[in-house]
Protein backbone atom coordinates (compact mmCIF):
# COMPACT_ATOMS: atom_id res chain seq x y z
CA UNK A 1 15.93 -5.11 20.69
CA UNK A 2 17.42 -3.85 17.79
CA UNK A 3 15.55 -1.18 15.80
CA UNK A 4 15.35 1.76 12.82
CA UNK A 5 14.54 5.06 14.55
CA UNK A 6 14.84 8.43 13.84
CA UNK A 7 14.98 11.87 15.98
CA UNK A 8 14.29 14.10 12.92
CA UNK A 9 12.10 14.49 9.40
CA UNK A 10 14.78 14.22 6.60
CA UNK A 11 16.29 11.57 3.90
CA UNK A 12 17.04 8.17 4.39
CA UNK A 13 20.67 9.18 5.94
CA UNK A 14 18.34 10.29 9.13
CA UNK A 15 17.57 6.93 10.00
CA UNK A 16 20.13 4.43 12.10
CA UNK A 17 19.96 1.09 13.80
CA UNK A 18 19.95 1.12 17.90
CA UNK A 19 19.57 -0.39 21.04
CA UNK A 20 15.78 0.07 21.91
CA UNK A 21 13.70 -0.79 24.87
CA UNK A 22 11.20 -3.45 24.13
CA UNK A 23 7.67 -1.96 23.44
CA UNK A 24 4.70 -4.08 25.74
CA UNK A 25 1.38 -4.36 24.60
CA UNK A 26 -1.59 -2.49 26.18
CA UNK A 27 -4.92 -2.96 26.48
CA UNK A 28 -6.10 -4.46 22.89
CA UNK A 29 -2.53 -4.86 21.57
CA UNK A 30 -0.45 -7.65 20.58
CA UNK A 31 3.22 -8.02 20.52
CA UNK A 32 4.94 -9.40 17.55
CA UNK A 33 8.36 -10.97 17.47
CA UNK A 34 8.93 -9.77 13.68
CA UNK A 35 10.10 -11.67 10.88
CA UNK A 36 9.81 -9.21 7.86
CA UNK A 37 8.25 -5.68 7.27
CA UNK A 38 6.83 -4.02 4.74
CA UNK A 39 8.24 -0.79 2.62
CA UNK A 40 5.76 1.34 0.76
CA UNK A 41 5.75 5.20 0.05
CA UNK A 42 4.14 5.78 3.24
CA UNK A 43 7.41 5.04 5.05
CA UNK A 44 8.94 7.80 2.91
CA UNK A 45 6.48 10.43 3.84
CA UNK A 46 6.82 9.78 7.71
CA UNK A 47 10.13 9.45 7.65
CA UNK A 48 10.53 12.87 5.47
CA UNK A 49 7.68 14.29 7.20
CA UNK A 50 6.49 15.50 3.71
CA UNK A 51 4.24 16.92 2.20
CA UNK A 52 4.11 18.67 5.56
CA UNK A 53 0.41 17.83 5.89
CA UNK A 54 2.00 14.51 7.05
CA UNK A 55 3.14 16.49 10.13
CA UNK A 56 -0.23 16.87 11.62
CA UNK A 57 -0.58 13.34 12.33
CA UNK A 58 3.12 11.96 12.72
CA UNK A 59 4.53 15.15 14.85
CA UNK A 60 4.81 18.69 13.82
CA UNK A 61 8.51 19.25 14.68
CA UNK A 62 9.66 15.82 14.85
CA UNK A 63 8.42 12.22 14.62
CA UNK A 64 6.36 11.43 17.44
CA UNK A 65 6.81 7.40 16.86
CA UNK A 66 11.02 7.15 16.57
CA UNK A 67 10.76 3.48 14.92
CA UNK A 68 9.74 3.55 11.19
CA UNK A 69 7.93 0.58 9.46
CA UNK A 70 4.24 -0.25 9.71
CA UNK A 71 3.66 -3.68 7.45
CA UNK A 72 4.54 -6.57 9.74
CA UNK A 73 4.52 -10.21 9.81
CA UNK A 74 5.56 -12.54 12.53
CA UNK A 75 4.87 -14.47 15.59
CA UNK A 76 2.91 -12.97 18.47
CA UNK A 77 5.27 -12.92 21.55
CA UNK A 78 2.55 -11.96 24.02
CA UNK A 79 -0.76 -9.83 24.06
CA UNK A 80 -2.23 -7.08 26.40
CA UNK A 81 -5.70 -7.18 28.34
CA UNK A 82 -8.81 -7.96 26.47
CA UNK A 83 -7.23 -9.35 23.64
CA UNK A 84 -9.16 -12.46 22.44
CA UNK A 85 -8.41 -13.42 18.80
CA UNK A 86 -4.57 -14.35 19.44
CA UNK A 87 -2.28 -15.82 22.03
CA UNK A 88 1.42 -16.54 22.17
CA UNK A 89 3.02 -18.35 19.03
CA UNK A 90 0.36 -17.30 16.68
CA UNK A 91 1.52 -16.64 13.28
CA UNK A 92 0.12 -13.09 12.09
CA UNK A 93 0.48 -10.05 9.72
CA UNK A 94 -1.12 -6.65 9.43
CA UNK A 95 -0.12 -2.91 10.20
CA UNK A 96 1.62 -1.25 13.46
CA UNK A 97 4.01 1.34 13.78
CA UNK A 98 7.54 0.52 14.27
CA UNK A 99 7.90 -2.66 12.32
CA UNK A 100 11.50 -2.03 11.50
CA UNK A 101 12.54 -3.62 15.02
CA UNK A 102 12.81 -7.13 16.57
CA UNK A 103 9.35 -6.13 18.04
CA UNK A 104 6.25 -4.29 17.35
CA UNK A 105 3.13 -3.69 18.90
CA UNK A 106 -0.27 -3.64 17.20
CA UNK A 107 -3.66 -3.14 17.93
CA UNK A 108 -5.26 -6.34 17.78
CA UNK A 109 -7.92 -5.28 14.99
CA UNK A 110 -5.02 -4.26 12.77
CA UNK A 111 -3.69 -8.19 12.35
CA UNK A 112 -4.79 -11.24 10.81
CA UNK A 113 -3.75 -14.97 10.84
CA UNK A 114 -1.04 -15.19 7.79
CA UNK A 115 -1.95 -17.15 4.60
CA UNK A 116 -0.40 -20.19 5.09
CA UNK A 117 0.68 -20.00 1.48
CA UNK A 118 2.77 -17.59 2.40
CA UNK A 119 6.30 -16.98 3.90
CA UNK A 120 6.83 -14.35 5.84
CA UNK A 121 8.89 -11.79 3.27
CA UNK A 122 5.74 -12.25 1.37
CA UNK A 123 3.07 -11.77 4.03
CA UNK A 124 4.78 -8.83 5.35
CA UNK A 125 4.58 -7.09 1.64
CA UNK A 126 0.45 -7.49 1.99
CA UNK A 127 -1.25 -5.44 4.44
CA UNK A 128 -0.86 -1.50 3.42
CA UNK A 129 -0.84 -1.91 -0.33
CA UNK A 130 -3.19 -4.94 -0.28
CA UNK A 131 -5.99 -3.32 1.52
CA UNK A 132 -5.59 -0.03 -0.23
CA UNK A 133 -5.86 -1.93 -3.60
CA UNK A 134 -8.93 -3.98 -2.06
CA UNK A 135 -10.85 -0.89 -1.12
CA UNK A 136 -10.24 0.81 -4.18
CA UNK A 137 -11.62 -1.87 -6.01
CA UNK A 138 -14.43 -3.11 -3.80
CA UNK A 139 -15.41 -0.19 -2.09
CA UNK A 140 -14.77 3.14 -3.85
CA UNK A 141 -14.75 1.52 -7.27
CA UNK A 142 -17.15 -0.74 -6.90
CA UNK A 143 -15.94 -3.18 -9.61
CA UNK A 144 -18.15 -6.00 -11.05
CA UNK A 145 -17.71 -8.60 -13.31
CA UNK A 146 -17.68 -7.88 -16.60
CA UNK A 147 -16.33 -4.30 -16.24
CA UNK A 148 -13.57 -3.09 -18.20
CA UNK A 149 -11.31 -1.41 -15.38
CA UNK A 150 -7.95 0.26 -15.98
CA UNK A 151 -4.96 0.45 -13.57
CA UNK A 152 -2.54 3.69 -13.79
CA UNK A 153 0.65 2.37 -11.95
CA UNK A 154 -0.08 -1.54 -12.28
CA UNK A 155 3.43 -2.20 -11.61
CA UNK A 156 3.84 -0.77 -8.12
CA UNK A 157 3.12 -1.78 -4.70
CA UNK A 158 -1.23 -0.93 -4.58
CA UNK A 159 -1.27 -1.51 -8.22
CA UNK A 160 0.40 -4.99 -8.55
CA UNK A 161 -2.23 -5.95 -6.16
CA UNK A 162 -5.35 -3.87 -7.96
CA UNK A 163 -4.71 -5.84 -11.30
CA UNK A 164 -5.34 -9.23 -8.78
CA UNK A 165 -7.98 -7.81 -6.84
CA UNK A 166 -9.90 -6.68 -9.87
CA UNK A 167 -9.17 -10.05 -11.56
CA UNK A 168 -10.77 -11.81 -8.98
CA UNK A 169 -14.17 -9.66 -8.92
CA UNK A 170 -14.32 -10.73 -12.70
CA UNK A 171 -12.90 -7.57 -14.28
CA UNK A 172 -11.77 -7.04 -17.67
CA UNK A 173 -8.49 -5.51 -16.41
CA UNK A 174 -5.78 -2.96 -18.20
CA UNK A 175 -2.37 -2.31 -16.54
CA UNK A 176 -0.48 0.83 -17.47
CA UNK A 177 3.50 0.41 -16.50
CA UNK A 178 6.81 1.28 -17.96
CA UNK A 179 8.52 -0.80 -20.83
CA UNK A 180 10.54 -2.73 -18.00
CA UNK A 181 7.61 -3.27 -16.35
CA UNK A 182 5.14 -4.72 -18.95
CA UNK A 183 5.98 -8.35 -18.13
CA UNK A 184 4.95 -8.46 -14.66
CA UNK A 185 1.82 -6.57 -15.15
CA UNK A 186 1.09 -9.38 -17.27
CA UNK A 187 2.30 -11.82 -15.18
CA UNK A 188 -0.18 -10.58 -12.46
CA UNK A 189 -2.97 -11.38 -14.77
CA UNK A 190 -3.76 -8.32 -16.68
CA UNK A 191 -5.71 -8.99 -20.01
CA UNK A 192 -3.67 -6.19 -21.74
CA UNK A 193 -0.90 -4.08 -21.15
CA UNK A 194 -0.04 -0.75 -22.07
CA UNK A 195 3.43 0.77 -22.17
CA UNK A 196 2.70 4.84 -21.12
CA UNK A 197 6.03 5.59 -22.68
CA UNK A 198 4.70 4.20 -26.28
CA UNK A 199 1.03 5.32 -26.00
CA UNK A 200 -1.25 7.17 -24.26
CA UNK A 201 -3.93 5.69 -21.51
CA UNK A 202 -6.04 8.20 -21.56
CA UNK A 203 -6.26 9.52 -24.84
CA UNK A 204 -10.38 8.56 -25.04
CA UNK A 205 -9.72 6.15 -27.47
CA UNK A 206 -10.57 3.09 -25.47
CA UNK A 207 -13.56 4.24 -22.65
CA UNK A 208 -13.37 2.01 -19.11
CA UNK A 209 -15.86 1.65 -16.55
CA UNK A 210 -13.54 2.34 -13.81
CA UNK A 211 -10.14 3.92 -13.73
CA UNK A 212 -7.83 3.09 -10.68
CA UNK A 213 -5.24 6.04 -10.58
CA UNK A 214 -2.54 4.93 -8.28
CA UNK A 215 0.26 7.77 -7.05
CA UNK A 216 -0.53 9.59 -10.62
CA UNK A 217 -0.35 12.97 -11.42
CA UNK A 218 -3.09 13.52 -14.51
CA UNK A 219 -4.84 16.00 -14.43
CA UNK A 220 -8.42 14.58 -13.83
CA UNK A 221 -10.12 16.24 -17.15
CA UNK A 222 -8.17 13.95 -18.89
CA UNK A 223 -8.73 10.82 -17.02
CA UNK A 224 -12.69 11.79 -17.35
CA UNK A 225 -11.96 11.38 -21.06
CA UNK A 226 -11.36 7.65 -20.42
CA UNK A 227 -14.17 7.32 -18.85
CA UNK A 228 -17.45 5.62 -19.72
CA UNK A 229 -20.56 8.33 -19.65
CA UNK A 230 -21.19 6.63 -15.79
CA UNK A 231 -17.83 5.29 -15.29
CA UNK A 232 -15.87 6.00 -12.03
CA UNK A 233 -12.58 7.32 -11.53
CA UNK A 234 -10.52 6.47 -8.34
CA UNK A 235 -7.76 8.19 -7.28
CA UNK A 236 -5.64 6.70 -4.63
CA UNK A 237 -2.56 8.58 -3.28
CA UNK A 238 -0.29 11.08 -5.08
CA UNK A 239 3.18 12.19 -5.81
CA UNK A 240 4.62 15.41 -6.68
CA UNK A 241 2.92 18.41 -5.80
CA UNK A 242 3.61 21.03 -3.17
CA UNK A 243 5.22 20.87 -0.31
CA UNK A 244 1.90 21.17 1.78
CA UNK A 245 -0.52 18.66 0.81
CA UNK A 246 1.84 17.03 -2.14
CA UNK A 247 -0.25 15.38 -4.92
CA UNK A 248 -3.16 15.10 -2.70
CA UNK A 249 -5.12 18.46 -4.57
CA UNK A 250 -6.45 16.13 -6.79
CA UNK A 251 -8.30 14.04 -4.50
CA UNK A 252 -9.65 17.33 -2.89
CA UNK A 253 -10.61 18.41 -6.86
CA UNK A 254 -12.08 14.84 -7.63
CA UNK A 255 -14.37 15.24 -4.12
CA UNK A 256 -15.32 18.61 -4.78
CA UNK A 257 -16.25 18.23 -8.39
CA UNK A 258 -18.24 14.63 -7.99
CA UNK A 259 -21.30 16.06 -7.30
CA UNK A 260 -21.61 18.23 -10.27
CA UNK A 261 -20.52 15.53 -13.36
CA UNK A 262 -21.85 12.81 -14.63
CA UNK A 263 -19.12 10.52 -13.39
CA UNK A 264 -18.47 9.36 -10.26
CA UNK A 265 -15.39 10.72 -8.55
CA UNK A 266 -13.62 9.14 -5.45
CA UNK A 267 -10.47 9.71 -3.67
CA UNK A 268 -9.33 7.00 -1.36
CA UNK A 269 -7.14 6.38 1.32
CA UNK A 270 -5.34 3.60 3.61
CA UNK A 271 -6.75 1.87 5.87
CA UNK A 272 -6.09 -1.81 7.49
CA UNK A 273 -8.55 -3.65 9.03
CA UNK A 274 -8.67 -7.18 10.59
CA UNK A 275 -12.09 -7.95 8.33
CA UNK A 276 -10.18 -6.59 4.83
CA UNK A 277 -6.68 -8.82 5.96
CA UNK A 278 -9.06 -11.71 5.83
CA UNK A 279 -10.91 -11.08 3.03
CA UNK A 280 -7.23 -11.12 1.46
CA UNK A 281 -6.26 -14.20 3.07
CA UNK A 282 -9.24 -15.74 1.08
CA UNK A 283 -7.97 -14.70 -2.37
CA UNK A 284 -4.46 -14.94 -1.72
CA UNK A 285 -5.35 -18.79 -0.49
CA UNK A 286 -7.43 -19.36 -3.38
CA UNK A 287 -4.66 -18.19 -6.07
CA UNK A 288 -6.34 -15.34 -6.48
CA UNK A 289 -3.70 -12.96 -5.27
CA UNK A 290 -0.03 -13.31 -4.80
CA UNK A 291 2.32 -10.65 -3.77
CA UNK A 292 5.35 -9.72 -5.89
CA UNK A 293 8.38 -9.14 -4.16
CA UNK A 294 10.73 -7.37 -6.14
CA UNK A 295 13.78 -7.26 -3.44
CA UNK A 296 14.50 -8.19 0.41
CA UNK A 297 16.93 -6.43 2.60
CA UNK A 298 18.03 -6.99 5.98
CA UNK A 299 16.88 -4.68 8.73
CA UNK A 300 20.37 -2.59 8.75
CA UNK A 301 19.93 -1.67 5.39
CA UNK A 302 16.30 -0.49 5.54
CA UNK A 303 17.86 3.31 4.19
CA UNK A 304 18.96 1.64 0.74
CA UNK A 305 15.30 0.21 0.72
CA UNK A 306 13.88 3.18 0.93
CA UNK A 307 16.23 4.95 -1.49
CA UNK A 308 15.30 1.74 -3.96
CA UNK A 309 12.07 2.59 -3.72
CA UNK A 310 11.83 6.21 -4.30
CA UNK A 311 14.08 5.55 -7.37
CA UNK A 312 10.68 4.47 -8.94
CA UNK A 313 12.32 0.92 -10.51
CA UNK A 314 10.28 -1.34 -7.90
CA UNK A 315 8.68 -4.31 -9.21
CA UNK A 316 5.76 -4.50 -6.56
CA UNK A 317 6.92 -4.34 -3.29
CA UNK A 318 10.17 -4.49 -1.40
CA UNK A 319 10.72 -6.55 2.13
CA UNK A 320 12.80 -6.39 5.14
CA UNK A 321 13.77 -9.56 6.21
CA UNK A 322 14.90 -10.43 10.25
């Protein structure tokens, strides 16, 4: 099969398209014929091996998994022993390692039936980003109807879903983005849109019950000024920072500080599970959530897709088509 592979950590130039062996599904695994794959910041971190903490999971000296890509949408080609939810021919979407390839292997519990209303490219944009957003809103943020929610980074992959999920939960949502992306965030259903190049969204002039700070770098003390007295701050990811833990020092700081202050300070990571994908499918089929796909690229142009992602101009998500 054709696949995008890497043998060393580095910039997009380390990626290349290569003929490689097709994987075989093991116990509890599904082999998917890939129709589309998603691109997110996690792909870049695994490709670059940055921050260095990533290498504790992905391989200390070189990538343990040669084929990149995590979001997948496609058709079940074969199933391994003990798989009960799927059979060959089923259209699925979810999470795997190695989706930038014609075939990818995934665990059964990280897949779900593809939403009927979505094409493969739209479906591939969902799993990692939307599951992260759902968990941040529902589990870490515990968003309830009538609450005021501020989404920092509302035009990105996770943020574009967070706006829609928070609205589906009945919140009054304020989305924050740059000037060029205000129309996108408004189209996602945000009640208010703030342009951070023109006003400081956390200057304390407005207070929010929940703040979702997605891949940001504002100090925790500054974010807390925009919370209600018993409000919740959820930090999702983080960019910048040092080489060792990147922007994740704020997440560590939030967890350490939370027991000593009136605010709930939470760090939220990414976990793609069958149940969460099914919950998202319900929201998608109800029309409450729609993936915002900025651009699609063919498999051979994955390096260009990652460069575009890192340029910071993406409106929503990028998909790879096969």
